[in-house]
Protein backbone atom coordinates (compact mmCIF):
# COMPACT_ATOMS: atom_id res chain seq x y z
CA MET A 1 73.08 130.72 53.43
CA VAL A 2 76.65 130.19 54.65
CA THR A 3 77.64 126.89 56.25
CA ALA A 4 80.77 126.68 58.35
CA ILE A 5 82.29 123.66 60.05
CA VAL A 6 84.12 124.59 63.25
CA LEU A 7 86.59 122.08 64.71
CA VAL A 8 87.02 122.59 68.44
CA ARG A 9 89.55 121.39 71.00
CA THR A 10 88.46 121.70 74.60
CA GLU A 11 90.34 121.84 77.88
CA GLY A 12 90.30 118.71 79.99
CA GLU A 13 86.91 117.13 80.50
CA ARG A 14 84.84 120.13 79.35
CA VAL A 15 83.50 118.69 76.10
CA GLN A 16 79.86 118.35 77.17
CA GLU A 17 79.81 121.73 78.93
CA ALA A 18 81.29 123.48 75.88
CA ALA A 19 78.94 121.71 73.45
CA GLN A 20 75.88 122.72 75.46
CA ALA A 21 77.05 126.34 75.57
CA MET A 22 77.66 126.37 71.82
CA LEU A 23 74.10 125.30 71.14
CA GLY A 24 73.05 128.60 72.71
CA VAL A 25 75.00 130.60 70.12
CA GLU A 26 72.82 131.96 67.33
CA GLY A 27 73.66 130.16 64.08
CA VAL A 28 74.97 126.99 65.71
CA THR A 29 72.71 124.16 64.55
CA GLU A 30 74.59 121.08 65.73
CA ALA A 31 77.53 120.05 67.89
CA TYR A 32 79.04 116.57 67.64
CA SER A 33 81.57 115.02 70.00
CA VAL A 34 84.10 113.16 67.84
CA THR A 35 87.24 111.05 67.93
CA GLY A 36 90.59 112.25 66.65
CA PRO A 37 92.56 115.45 67.25
CA TYR A 38 89.43 117.54 67.89
CA ASP A 39 86.80 117.11 70.56
CA LEU A 40 83.83 118.74 68.82
CA VAL A 41 82.61 119.43 65.30
CA VAL A 42 80.20 122.34 65.31
CA MET A 43 77.94 123.22 62.38
CA VAL A 44 77.17 126.90 61.89
CA ARG A 45 74.52 128.03 59.41
CA ILE A 46 74.09 131.76 58.98
CA PRO A 47 72.58 134.09 56.37
CA ASP A 48 75.78 135.98 55.50
CA PHE A 49 79.54 135.55 55.60
CA GLU A 50 80.14 138.68 57.70
CA SER A 51 78.32 137.14 60.69
CA LEU A 52 80.95 134.40 60.84
CA ALA A 53 83.57 136.93 61.94
CA GLU A 54 81.53 137.54 65.07
CA ILE A 55 80.22 134.05 65.79
CA VAL A 56 83.49 132.09 65.78
CA PRO A 57 86.10 134.34 67.44
CA GLU A 58 83.77 136.38 69.62
CA ARG A 59 81.25 133.75 70.69
CA ILE A 60 82.38 130.15 70.15
CA ALA A 61 86.09 130.67 70.91
CA GLN A 62 85.23 132.57 74.11
CA ILE A 63 83.13 129.78 75.62
CA PRO A 64 84.71 128.48 78.85
CA GLY A 65 86.63 125.29 78.17
CA VAL A 66 87.40 126.02 74.51
CA ALA A 67 91.15 125.79 73.89
CA ARG A 68 91.31 126.15 70.09
CA THR A 69 89.11 126.39 67.01
CA GLU A 70 89.67 125.83 63.32
CA THR A 71 87.00 126.90 60.83
CA MET A 72 86.18 125.65 57.36
CA VAL A 73 83.62 127.38 55.13
CA ALA A 74 81.58 125.23 52.75
CA PHE A 75 81.45 126.32 49.10
CA ARG A 76 78.67 123.91 48.11
CA ALA A 77 76.54 121.31 49.86
CA TYR A 78 76.20 117.78 48.52
CA SER A 79 73.96 115.79 50.82
CA ASN A 80 71.53 112.91 50.39
CA TYR A 81 70.51 113.48 53.99
CA ASP A 82 69.19 116.98 53.28
CA LEU A 83 67.47 115.91 50.06
CA ASP A 84 65.78 112.96 51.76
CA ARG A 85 64.53 115.22 54.55
CA ALA A 86 63.17 117.80 52.10
CA TRP A 87 61.25 115.20 50.05
CA SER A 88 59.79 113.53 53.14
CA LEU A 89 58.30 116.68 54.70
CA GLY A 90 54.68 116.08 55.66
CA PHE A 91 54.98 112.28 55.53
CA GLU A 92 56.15 111.75 59.13
């Protein structure tokens, strides 16, 4: 599994519109509106690295309202959040 973090700048007031559209892209699991130089942080989780070459430039970057993207690929995941969720399955 490949995890990529995509930082997105949007045009004008199109943050919500762009975030909703990104959630329709296969592999996009979450979109967060954030403070700072970027408007959105988008989490992409896909089975192979090659898919990333299609998802970011051909799908996410082409969404109306997207001005710029910057992508980071995760080497390893260190997360208490994910571990806590895995151990609590079936106890909700």
